[in-house]
Each structure stands twice: as structure tokens, then as C-alpha cells.
C-alpha atoms as a PDB file:
ATOM      1  CA  MET A   1       6.274   6.374  25.694  1.00  0.00           C
ATOM      2  CA  GLU A   2       8.900   3.780  26.591  1.00  0.00           C
ATOM      3  CA  GLN A   3      10.424   2.120  23.564  1.00  0.00           C
ATOM      4  CA  LYS A   4      10.354  -1.665  23.358  1.00  0.00           C
ATOM      5  CA  ILE A   5      13.200  -3.607  21.723  1.00  0.00           C
ATOM      6  CA  ILE A   6      12.798  -6.813  19.718  1.00  0.00           C
ATOM      7  CA  TYR A   7      15.718  -8.866  18.433  1.00  0.00           C
ATOM      8  CA  TYR A   8      15.229 -10.749  15.180  1.00  0.00           C
ATOM      9  CA  THR A   9      17.216 -13.169  13.067  1.00  0.00           C
ATOM     10  CA  ASP A  10      15.294 -13.604   9.816  1.00  0.00           C
ATOM     11  CA  GLU A  11      13.402 -10.800   8.065  1.00  0.00           C
ATOM     12  CA  LEU A  12      11.546 -13.260   5.848  1.00  0.00           C
ATOM     13  CA  ASN A  13      10.355 -15.769   8.445  1.00  0.00           C
ATOM     14  CA  ASP A  14      10.356 -14.292  11.969  1.00  0.00           C
ATOM     15  CA  GLU A  15       6.880 -13.754  13.421  1.00  0.00           C
ATOM     16  CA  PHE A  16       6.107 -11.301  16.246  1.00  0.00           C
ATOM     17  CA  SER A  17       2.328 -11.344  16.431  1.00  0.00           C
ATOM     18  CA  THR A  18       1.101 -11.285  20.034  1.00  0.00           C
ATOM     19  CA  ALA A  19      -2.078 -13.218  19.190  1.00  0.00           C
ATOM     20  CA  LYS A  20      -2.297 -16.549  21.014  1.00  0.00           C
ATOM     21  CA  ILE A  21      -4.628 -18.546  18.804  1.00  0.00           C
ATOM     22  CA  THR A  22      -4.567 -22.196  17.801  1.00  0.00           C
ATOM     23  CA  PRO A  23      -5.281 -22.073  14.050  1.00  0.00           C
ATOM     24  CA  ARG A  24      -7.829 -24.429  12.561  1.00  0.00           C
ATOM     25  CA  LYS A  25      -6.797 -26.573   9.629  1.00  0.00           C
ATOM     26  CA  ILE A  26      -7.842 -25.092   6.299  1.00  0.00           C
ATOM     27  CA  ASP A  27      -8.377 -28.268   4.307  1.00  0.00           C
ATOM     28  CA  GLU A  28     -10.618 -29.313   1.406  1.00  0.00           C
ATOM     29  CA  ASN A  29     -13.645 -29.221   3.739  1.00  0.00           C
ATOM     30  CA  TYR A  30     -13.284 -25.543   4.650  1.00  0.00           C
ATOM     31  CA  LYS A  31     -16.135 -23.443   3.216  1.00  0.00           C
ATOM     32  CA  TYR A  32     -14.751 -20.258   1.716  1.00  0.00           C
ATOM     33  CA  GLY A  33     -18.115 -18.799   0.758  1.00  0.00           C
ATOM     34  CA  ASP A  34     -19.983 -18.707  -2.529  1.00  0.00           C
ATOM     35  CA  ASP A  35     -22.297 -16.541  -4.620  1.00  0.00           C
ATOM     36  CA  SER A  36     -25.537 -17.731  -3.032  1.00  0.00           C
ATOM     37  CA  PHE A  37     -28.234 -15.362  -1.768  1.00  0.00           C
ATOM     38  CA  GLY A  38     -27.714 -16.552   1.805  1.00  0.00           C
ATOM     39  CA  TRP A  39     -23.969 -15.966   1.816  1.00  0.00           C
ATOM     40  CA  ASN A  40     -24.265 -12.576   0.092  1.00  0.00           C
ATOM     41  CA  PHE A  41     -26.942 -11.448   2.545  1.00  0.00           C
ATOM     42  CA  LYS A  42     -24.742 -12.315   5.547  1.00  0.00           C
ATOM     43  CA  HIS A  43     -21.785 -10.607   3.890  1.00  0.00           C
ATOM     44  CA  PHE A  44     -23.822  -7.441   3.249  1.00  0.00           C
ATOM     45  CA  PHE A  45     -25.202  -7.386   6.797  1.00  0.00           C
ATOM     46  CA  TRP A  46     -21.931  -7.944   8.660  1.00  0.00           C
ATOM     47  CA  TYR A  47     -19.806  -5.871   6.292  1.00  0.00           C
ATOM     48  CA  ASN A  48     -21.989  -2.845   5.545  1.00  0.00           C
ATOM     49  CA  ILE A  49     -24.423  -2.625   8.466  1.00  0.00           C
ATOM     50  CA  VAL A  50     -22.170  -3.666  11.360  1.00  0.00           C
ATOM     51  CA  PHE A  51     -18.510  -3.722  10.385  1.00  0.00           C
ATOM     52  CA  ARG A  52     -17.784  -0.587   8.359  1.00  0.00           C
ATOM     53  CA  PRO A  53     -19.609   1.996  10.513  1.00  0.00           C
ATOM     54  CA  VAL A  54     -17.977   0.745  13.719  1.00  0.00           C
ATOM     55  CA  LEU A  55     -14.611   0.304  12.047  1.00  0.00           C
ATOM     56  CA  SER A  56     -14.609   3.787  10.547  1.00  0.00           C
ATOM     57  CA  PHE A  57     -15.167   5.382  13.965  1.00  0.00           C
ATOM     58  CA  TRP A  58     -12.633   3.084  15.664  1.00  0.00           C
ATOM     59  CA  LEU A  59      -9.810   3.692  13.198  1.00  0.00           C
ATOM     60  CA  LYS A  60     -10.294   7.439  12.845  1.00  0.00           C
ATOM     61  CA  HIS A  61     -11.003   8.423  16.450  1.00  0.00           C
ATOM     62  CA  ILE A  62      -8.956   5.866  18.390  1.00  0.00           C
ATOM     63  CA  TYR A  63      -5.990   5.371  16.076  1.00  0.00           C
ATOM     64  CA  GLY A  64      -6.109   8.656  14.176  1.00  0.00           C
ATOM     65  CA  LEU A  65      -6.065   6.905  10.808  1.00  0.00           C
ATOM     66  CA  LYS A  66      -5.459   9.222   7.883  1.00  0.00           C
ATOM     67  CA  ILE A  67      -5.408   7.948   4.312  1.00  0.00           C
ATOM     68  CA  ILE A  68      -3.437   9.888   1.704  1.00  0.00           C
ATOM     69  CA  GLY A  69      -3.756   9.184  -2.008  1.00  0.00           C
ATOM     70  CA  LYS A  70      -7.075   7.373  -1.965  1.00  0.00           C
ATOM     71  CA  GLU A  71      -8.122   9.322  -5.064  1.00  0.00           C
ATOM     72  CA  LYS A  72      -5.764   7.091  -7.065  1.00  0.00           C
ATOM     73  CA  ILE A  73      -8.228   4.237  -6.603  1.00  0.00           C
ATOM     74  CA  LYS A  74     -11.311   6.338  -7.380  1.00  0.00           C
ATOM     75  CA  GLU A  75     -11.182   5.456 -11.081  1.00  0.00           C
ATOM     76  CA  TYR A  76     -11.366   1.790 -10.115  1.00  0.00           C
ATOM     77  CA  LYS A  77     -14.478   2.050  -7.991  1.00  0.00           C
ATOM     78  CA  ASN A  78     -16.443  -1.194  -8.364  1.00  0.00           C
ATOM     79  CA  LYS A  79     -13.593  -2.797 -10.282  1.00  0.00           C
ATOM     80  CA  ALA A  80     -11.236  -5.604  -9.346  1.00  0.00           C
ATOM     81  CA  TYR A  81      -7.588  -5.060  -8.450  1.00  0.00           C
ATOM     82  CA  PHE A  82      -4.961  -6.455  -6.107  1.00  0.00           C
ATOM     83  CA  LEU A  83      -3.836  -4.365  -3.163  1.00  0.00           C
ATOM     84  CA  TYR A  84      -0.520  -5.013  -1.354  1.00  0.00           C
ATOM     85  CA  ALA A  85       0.456  -3.640   2.060  1.00  0.00           C
ATOM     86  CA  ASN A  86       3.053  -3.792   4.834  1.00  0.00           C
ATOM     87  CA  HIS A  87       2.180  -6.071   7.767  1.00  0.00           C
ATOM     88  CA  THR A  88       2.723  -4.101  10.982  1.00  0.00           C
ATOM     89  CA  ASN A  89      -0.366  -4.291  13.177  1.00  0.00           C
ATOM     90  CA  THR A  90      -1.957  -7.414  14.637  1.00  0.00           C
ATOM     91  CA  ALA A  91      -5.314  -5.812  15.427  1.00  0.00           C
ATOM     92  CA  LEU A  92      -5.727  -3.435  12.501  1.00  0.00           C
ATOM     93  CA  ASP A  93      -4.198  -5.065   9.427  1.00  0.00           C
ATOM     94  CA  PRO A  94      -7.312  -7.146   8.651  1.00  0.00           C
ATOM     95  CA  PHE A  95      -9.419  -3.980   8.672  1.00  0.00           C
ATOM     96  CA  ILE A  96      -7.481  -1.047   7.179  1.00  0.00           C
ATOM     97  CA  PRO A  97      -7.884  -2.408   3.611  1.00  0.00           C
ATOM     98  CA  SER A  98     -11.643  -1.859   3.965  1.00  0.00           C
ATOM     99  CA  MET A  99     -11.054   1.854   4.558  1.00  0.00           C
ATOM    100  CA  VAL A 100      -8.690   2.092   1.587  1.00  0.00           C
ATOM    101  CA  SER A 101     -11.084   0.377  -0.858  1.00  0.00           C
ATOM    102  CA  LYS A 102     -14.250   2.042   0.455  1.00  0.00           C
ATOM    103  CA  PRO A 103     -16.972   2.003  -0.860  1.00  0.00           C
ATOM    104  CA  ASN A 104     -16.033  -1.207  -2.686  1.00  0.00           C
ATOM    105  CA  PRO A 105     -16.008  -4.217  -0.311  1.00  0.00           C
ATOM    106  CA  ILE A 106     -12.600  -5.894  -0.211  1.00  0.00           C
ATOM    107  CA  PHE A 107     -11.447  -9.429   0.495  1.00  0.00           C
ATOM    108  CA  VAL A 108      -8.211 -10.021   2.405  1.00  0.00           C
ATOM    109  CA  ILE A 109      -5.960 -13.075   2.255  1.00  0.00           C
ATOM    110  CA  VAL A 110      -5.229 -13.928   5.886  1.00  0.00           C
ATOM    111  CA  HIS A 111      -3.626 -16.469   8.193  1.00  0.00           C
ATOM    112  CA  ALA A 112      -5.917 -19.203   9.533  1.00  0.00           C
ATOM    113  CA  ASN A 113      -5.800 -17.480  12.957  1.00  0.00           C
ATOM    114  CA  ASN A 114      -8.308 -14.949  11.649  1.00  0.00           C
ATOM    115  CA  VAL A 115     -10.999 -17.586  11.175  1.00  0.00           C
ATOM    116  CA  SER A 116     -10.120 -19.668  14.253  1.00  0.00           C
ATOM    117  CA  MET A 117     -11.397 -17.477  17.081  1.00  0.00           C
ATOM    118  CA  PRO A 118     -14.534 -18.726  18.921  1.00  0.00           C
ATOM    119  CA  VAL A 119     -16.944 -15.970  17.794  1.00  0.00           C
ATOM    120  CA  LEU A 120     -15.185 -13.515  15.504  1.00  0.00           C
ATOM    121  CA  GLY A 121     -13.646 -16.406  13.593  1.00  0.00           C
ATOM    122  CA  ARG A 122     -17.103 -17.327  12.311  1.00  0.00           C
ATOM    123  CA  ILE A 123     -17.905 -13.742  11.325  1.00  0.00           C
ATOM    124  CA  ASN A 124     -14.591 -12.830   9.690  1.00  0.00           C
ATOM    125  CA  PRO A 125     -15.284 -14.761   6.455  1.00  0.00           C
ATOM    126  CA  TYR A 126     -18.325 -12.517   5.948  1.00  0.00           C
ATOM    127  CA  LEU A 127     -16.042  -9.528   6.537  1.00  0.00           C
ATOM    128  CA  GLY A 128     -13.850 -10.646   3.644  1.00  0.00           C
ATOM    129  CA  ALA A 129     -11.275 -12.971   5.258  1.00  0.00           C
ATOM    130  CA  ILE A 130      -9.864 -15.580   2.870  1.00  0.00           C
ATOM    131  CA  PRO A 131      -7.559 -17.890   4.863  1.00  0.00           C
ATOM    132  CA  LEU A 132      -4.513 -19.446   3.240  1.00  0.00           C
ATOM    133  CA  PRO A 133      -4.972 -23.159   2.520  1.00  0.00           C
ATOM    134  CA  ASP A 134      -3.100 -25.919   4.331  1.00  0.00           C
ATOM    135  CA  GLY A 135      -1.709 -28.040   1.545  1.00  0.00           C
ATOM    136  CA  LEU A 136      -2.724 -28.876  -1.994  1.00  0.00           C
ATOM    137  CA  SER A 137      -6.078 -30.408  -1.083  1.00  0.00           C
ATOM    138  CA  ALA A 138      -7.495 -26.988  -0.148  1.00  0.00           C
ATOM    139  CA  THR A 139      -5.666 -24.933  -2.763  1.00  0.00           C
ATOM    140  CA  ARG A 140      -8.274 -25.512  -5.472  1.00  0.00           C
ATOM    141  CA  ASN A 141     -11.036 -24.035  -3.282  1.00  0.00           C
ATOM    142  CA  PHE A 142      -8.767 -21.129  -2.329  1.00  0.00           C
ATOM    143  CA  MET A 143      -7.946 -20.325  -5.959  1.00  0.00           C
ATOM    144  CA  ASN A 144     -11.587 -20.651  -6.999  1.00  0.00           C
ATOM    145  CA  THR A 145     -12.496 -18.162  -4.282  1.00  0.00           C
ATOM    146  CA  ILE A 146      -9.947 -15.621  -5.538  1.00  0.00           C
ATOM    147  CA  LYS A 147     -11.297 -16.100  -9.061  1.00  0.00           C
ATOM    148  CA  LEU A 148     -14.889 -15.627  -7.849  1.00  0.00           C
ATOM    149  CA  ARG A 149     -14.180 -12.403  -5.946  1.00  0.00           C
ATOM    150  CA  ILE A 150     -12.246 -10.913  -8.862  1.00  0.00           C
ATOM    151  CA  SER A 151     -15.080 -11.852 -11.256  1.00  0.00           C
ATOM    152  CA  GLN A 152     -17.463  -9.999  -8.899  1.00  0.00           C
ATOM    153  CA  ASN A 153     -15.260  -6.891  -9.310  1.00  0.00           C
ATOM    154  CA  HIS A 154     -14.016  -6.953  -5.734  1.00  0.00           C
ATOM    155  CA  PRO A 155     -10.430  -5.998  -4.858  1.00  0.00           C
ATOM    156  CA  VAL A 156      -8.282  -8.507  -2.995  1.00  0.00           C
ATOM    157  CA  CYS A 157      -5.653  -7.460  -0.449  1.00  0.00           C
ATOM    158  CA  ILE A 158      -2.396  -9.328   0.188  1.00  0.00           C
ATOM    159  CA  TYR A 159       0.293  -8.816   2.824  1.00  0.00           C
ATOM    160  CA  PRO A 160       3.392 -10.058   0.957  1.00  0.00           C
ATOM    161  CA  GLU A 161       5.648  -9.785   4.031  1.00  0.00           C
ATOM    162  CA  ALA A 162       3.490 -12.651   5.402  1.00  0.00           C
ATOM    163  CA  HIS A 163       4.555 -12.223   9.050  1.00  0.00           C
ATOM    164  CA  ILE A 164       3.493  -9.468  11.445  1.00  0.00           C
ATOM    165  CA  TRP A 165       6.132  -7.151  12.916  1.00  0.00           C
ATOM    166  CA  PRO A 166       4.154  -4.707  15.096  1.00  0.00           C
ATOM    167  CA  TYR A 167       4.947  -1.030  14.474  1.00  0.00           C
ATOM    168  CA  TYR A 168       7.908  -1.844  12.205  1.00  0.00           C
ATOM    169  CA  THR A 169       8.975   1.292  10.366  1.00  0.00           C
ATOM    170  CA  LYS A 170      10.762  -0.236   7.376  1.00  0.00           C
ATOM    171  CA  ILE A 171       9.716  -2.591   4.601  1.00  0.00           C
ATOM    172  CA  ARG A 172      10.930  -6.154   4.877  1.00  0.00           C
ATOM    173  CA  PRO A 173      12.011  -7.969   1.712  1.00  0.00           C
ATOM    174  CA  PHE A 174       9.286 -10.153   0.234  1.00  0.00           C
ATOM    175  CA  VAL A 175       9.159 -12.659  -2.584  1.00  0.00           C
ATOM    176  CA  ASP A 176       7.299 -12.136  -5.858  1.00  0.00           C
ATOM    177  CA  LEU A 177       5.107 -15.269  -5.623  1.00  0.00           C
ATOM    178  CA  SER A 178       1.835 -13.458  -4.883  1.00  0.00           C
ATOM    179  CA  PHE A 179       2.371 -11.051  -7.779  1.00  0.00           C
ATOM    180  CA  ARG A 180       1.305 -13.785 -10.157  1.00  0.00           C
ATOM    181  CA  TYR A 181      -2.315 -12.944  -9.355  1.00  0.00           C
ATOM    182  CA  PRO A 182      -2.507  -9.555 -11.124  1.00  0.00           C
ATOM    183  CA  LEU A 183      -0.936 -11.196 -14.172  1.00  0.00           C
ATOM    184  CA  GLN A 184      -3.279 -14.182 -14.060  1.00  0.00           C
ATOM    185  CA  TYR A 185      -6.425 -12.053 -13.874  1.00  0.00           C
ATOM    186  CA  ASP A 186      -5.107  -9.084 -15.878  1.00  0.00           C
ATOM    187  CA  VAL A 187      -6.100  -6.459 -13.322  1.00  0.00           C
ATOM    188  CA  PRO A 188      -4.250  -3.440 -11.887  1.00  0.00           C
ATOM    189  CA  THR A 189      -2.072  -3.483  -8.803  1.00  0.00           C
ATOM    190  CA  PHE A 190      -2.116  -0.929  -5.974  1.00  0.00           C
ATOM    191  CA  CYS A 191      -0.304  -0.759  -2.671  1.00  0.00           C
ATOM    192  CA  PHE A 192      -0.668   1.065   0.605  1.00  0.00           C
ATOM    193  CA  THR A 193       1.966   1.722   3.226  1.00  0.00           C
ATOM    194  CA  ASN A 194       1.032   2.210   6.869  1.00  0.00           C
ATOM    195  CA  THR A 195       3.325   4.611   8.695  1.00  0.00           C
ATOM    196  CA  TYR A 196       3.430   5.649  12.335  1.00  0.00           C
ATOM    197  CA  GLN A 197       3.658   9.358  13.017  1.00  0.00           C
ATOM    198  CA  LYS A 198       3.637  11.540  16.111  1.00  0.00           C
ATOM    199  CA  ASN A 199       0.497  13.223  17.324  1.00  0.00           C
ATOM    200  CA  LYS A 200      -0.337  15.635  20.123  1.00  0.00           C
ATOM    201  CA  ARG A 201      -1.405  12.902  22.549  1.00  0.00           C
ATOM    202  CA  GLY A 202       1.991  11.238  22.435  1.00  0.00           C
ATOM    203  CA  LYS A 203       0.661   8.044  20.897  1.00  0.00           C
ATOM    204  CA  PRO A 204       1.435   7.193  17.274  1.00  0.00           C
ATOM    205  CA  LYS A 205      -1.215   7.879  14.676  1.00  0.00           C
ATOM    206  CA  ILE A 206      -1.444   5.810  11.507  1.00  0.00           C
ATOM    207  CA  VAL A 207      -0.940   7.607   8.218  1.00  0.00           C
ATOM    208  CA  THR A 208      -1.584   5.373   5.227  1.00  0.00           C
ATOM    209  CA  TYR A 209      -0.230   6.178   1.750  1.00  0.00           C
ATOM    210  CA  VAL A 210      -1.953   4.704  -1.308  1.00  0.00           C
ATOM    211  CA  ASP A 211      -0.023   4.268  -4.560  1.00  0.00           C
ATOM    212  CA  GLY A 212      -0.665   2.912  -8.033  1.00  0.00           C
ATOM    213  CA  PRO A 213      -1.951   1.720 -10.327  1.00  0.00           C
ATOM    214  CA  PHE A 214       0.922  -0.491 -11.368  1.00  0.00           C
ATOM    215  CA  PHE A 215       0.685  -2.631 -14.498  1.00  0.00           C
ATOM    216  CA  ALA A 216       2.638  -5.598 -15.750  1.00  0.00           C
ATOM    217  CA  ASP A 217       5.124  -4.980 -18.548  1.00  0.00           C
ATOM    218  CA  LYS A 218       3.818  -7.350 -21.202  1.00  0.00           C
ATOM    219  CA  SER A 219       6.870  -6.871 -23.404  1.00  0.00           C
ATOM    220  CA  ILE A 220       8.847  -9.230 -21.153  1.00  0.00           C
ATOM    221  CA  SER A 221       8.379 -12.818 -19.993  1.00  0.00           C
ATOM    222  CA  SER A 222       5.783 -13.760 -17.370  1.00  0.00           C
ATOM    223  CA  LYS A 223       8.497 -14.468 -14.835  1.00  0.00           C
ATOM    224  CA  GLU A 224      10.115 -11.081 -15.468  1.00  0.00           C
ATOM    225  CA  GLN A 225       6.717  -9.350 -15.299  1.00  0.00           C
ATOM    226  CA  LYS A 226       6.061 -10.813 -11.869  1.00  0.00           C
ATOM    227  CA  THR A 227       9.453  -9.721 -10.550  1.00  0.00           C
ATOM    228  CA  LYS A 228       9.222  -6.244 -12.062  1.00  0.00           C
ATOM    229  CA  LEU A 229       5.751  -5.717 -10.605  1.00  0.00           C
ATOM    230  CA  ARG A 230       7.000  -6.812  -7.193  1.00  0.00           C
ATOM    231  CA  ASP A 231       9.946  -4.429  -7.436  1.00  0.00           C
ATOM    232  CA  MET A 232       7.735  -1.461  -8.347  1.00  0.00           C
ATOM    233  CA  VAL A 233       5.512  -2.097  -5.332  1.00  0.00           C
ATOM    234  CA  TYR A 234       8.416  -2.800  -2.981  1.00  0.00           C
ATOM    235  CA  ASN A 235      10.390   0.312  -3.989  1.00  0.00           C
ATOM    236  CA  THR A 236       7.301   2.508  -3.645  1.00  0.00           C
ATOM    237  CA  MET A 237       6.598   1.166  -0.173  1.00  0.00           C
ATOM    238  CA  VAL A 238      10.227   1.700   0.856  1.00  0.00           C
ATOM    239  CA  GLU A 239       9.972   5.360  -0.153  1.00  0.00           C
ATOM    240  CA  ARG A 240       6.689   5.807   1.714  1.00  0.00           C
ATOM    241  CA  SER A 241       8.109   4.152   4.839  1.00  0.00           C
ATOM    242  CA  LYS A 242      10.516   7.087   5.142  1.00  0.00           C
ATOM    243  CA  ASN A 243       7.520   9.077   6.431  1.00  0.00           C
ATOM    244  CA  ASN A 244       7.608   7.161   9.729  1.00  0.00           C
ATOM    245  CA  ASN A 245       8.740   9.579  12.439  1.00  0.00           C
ATOM    246  CA  ILE A 246       8.122   7.604  15.623  1.00  0.00           C
ATOM    247  CA  GLU A 247       9.549   4.202  16.538  1.00  0.00           C
ATOM    248  CA  VAL A 248       7.387   2.462  19.129  1.00  0.00           C
ATOM    249  CA  ILE A 249       9.360  -0.788  18.815  1.00  0.00           C
ATOM    250  CA  LYS A 250      12.999  -0.916  17.800  1.00  0.00           C
ATOM    251  CA  TYR A 251      14.006  -4.025  15.861  1.00  0.00           C
ATOM    252  CA  ILE A 252      17.638  -5.106  16.067  1.00  0.00           C
ATOM    253  CA  LYS A 253      19.200  -8.022  14.224  1.00  0.00           C
ATOM    254  CA  LYS A 254      20.733 -10.397  16.754  1.00  0.00           C
ATOM    255  CA  GLU A 255      24.265 -10.342  15.428  1.00  0.00           C
ATOM    256  CA  GLU A 256      24.115  -6.517  15.579  1.00  0.00           C
ATOM    257  CA  LYS A 257      23.032  -6.150  19.231  1.00  0.00           C
ATOM    258  CA  ASN A 258      26.562  -6.143  20.575  1.00  0.00           C
ATOM    259  CA  ASP A 259      27.909  -3.688  17.993  1.00  0.00           C
END
């Protein structure tokens, strides 16, 4: 397999998703979903009857997905928690969390692109997509949705790196802003790290490592708790990323390319 090279300048803000989608505006009029019978029925149908059976076959037999450490979440079956992950696959990142949390349905905080596609964009909310709000006017609805899903004992997945770097084999630095949620709702934190490893067919298979639970240290200030929780997750993911043994895309910082 021929290796592709991508040059980057900013680990925090560069985006390399290949998706060409014009995102819709997520304003105060966007309907995130509620606890009505109608919404829950559509969620059950699309998530359990259509989505998970197809997804399970697709991920295991096409991408060779293997999940290691899922037993760590077993104690939290049908309980709420926050799940953090590295953002390295445009097509699969919205869906792998469902395999990690199975059988508990999971909700995933996503970019507006995921709810902006002509057909799938209308279905994705029923598959657990919670798009980030555009501005303060939509933030109240967004936060109320997070609160609702946690109160229903559903896990919520977050990609703290924010931007997609396909097949990246390291962990990019990320801020601690999103780690306020586990503190706010007093629930455990888990993480999973997707790695790319060689298989017999020459294509990379995905091996996912699950870790946790992590808990806030309540003996320190809220600000320190948030940072410490972030550091525990980040350091764990860095260690797991060392299990990558194939580099489909090589990322080189621009000032380093002539070294």
C-alpha cells in the first residue's frame, strides 16, 4: 500500500476530513430530539433494527474491528458516562462508539456535517448524533439535550481533538473544555483509542482499546479537576497509540519537511 503524506501546521486546528458537505446552521430552531413516544420509537427503529446489525457486520468484516477492554464498561451497562476518543476516521468515527457501548445506545457529539446530508442527515439524529450549536442562541437546547440523555442513563461520546486526521497514529493535544461534563453530571469517564494494525490482507485493521473508569479528584478545585481528568485520559490514549504498527498516512509538520 502506497503511503500518502500530509503536511500540517497546527495540531489543534488543522482539518483533513475528505467530506465535502455544506453544513446547515445549528441555531435555536434546530430540533435535537426529545423524550416523546414518537421520537423514541424512531430512535429504537433506526438504531436497533437497522443501524446496529448492519454496522456490526460492516465494522467487523470489512474493517476488521476488534475491541479490547470492553469488559471495563460492563459494570456501567445501562448507566450514563462520558466516552472520549481519538478522531481519525471520517466514515467510522460516528459509529464505532456504538460498538464500544453496546448494548447501551450512545449519543455522539458531532459536527453539523453529520446532520446536513440529504438523506442520512435526517436519520443521523435518531442514530444518536448531537450536533454542536452555532452560537449562544442554540447552546441552551444543546445543553438540555446532553442533560436529557444523561438522565436517561445513556453514555455520550466526545472527540476532544475536534478535527479529523485520517489514520493518524498519534494523539493530538486537546483542551480540557469538554471535561467539564463529567464533573457537571457526576458520572464516570471512559476513553477508547483507535489504532491501525497490520493484517494478512495488507490493509489496516482497526484495534480499539477501551480504558477507564476515570473519576474526578474532588479534593482539588473544579478547574484542577477538569485538567487532571483531561490529563488522565490524554496520557492513557498516548500509551495506547503506541500499538499502531502501520502508517497509512504520514503527517509532517511544514517547517520539518525540509529537515
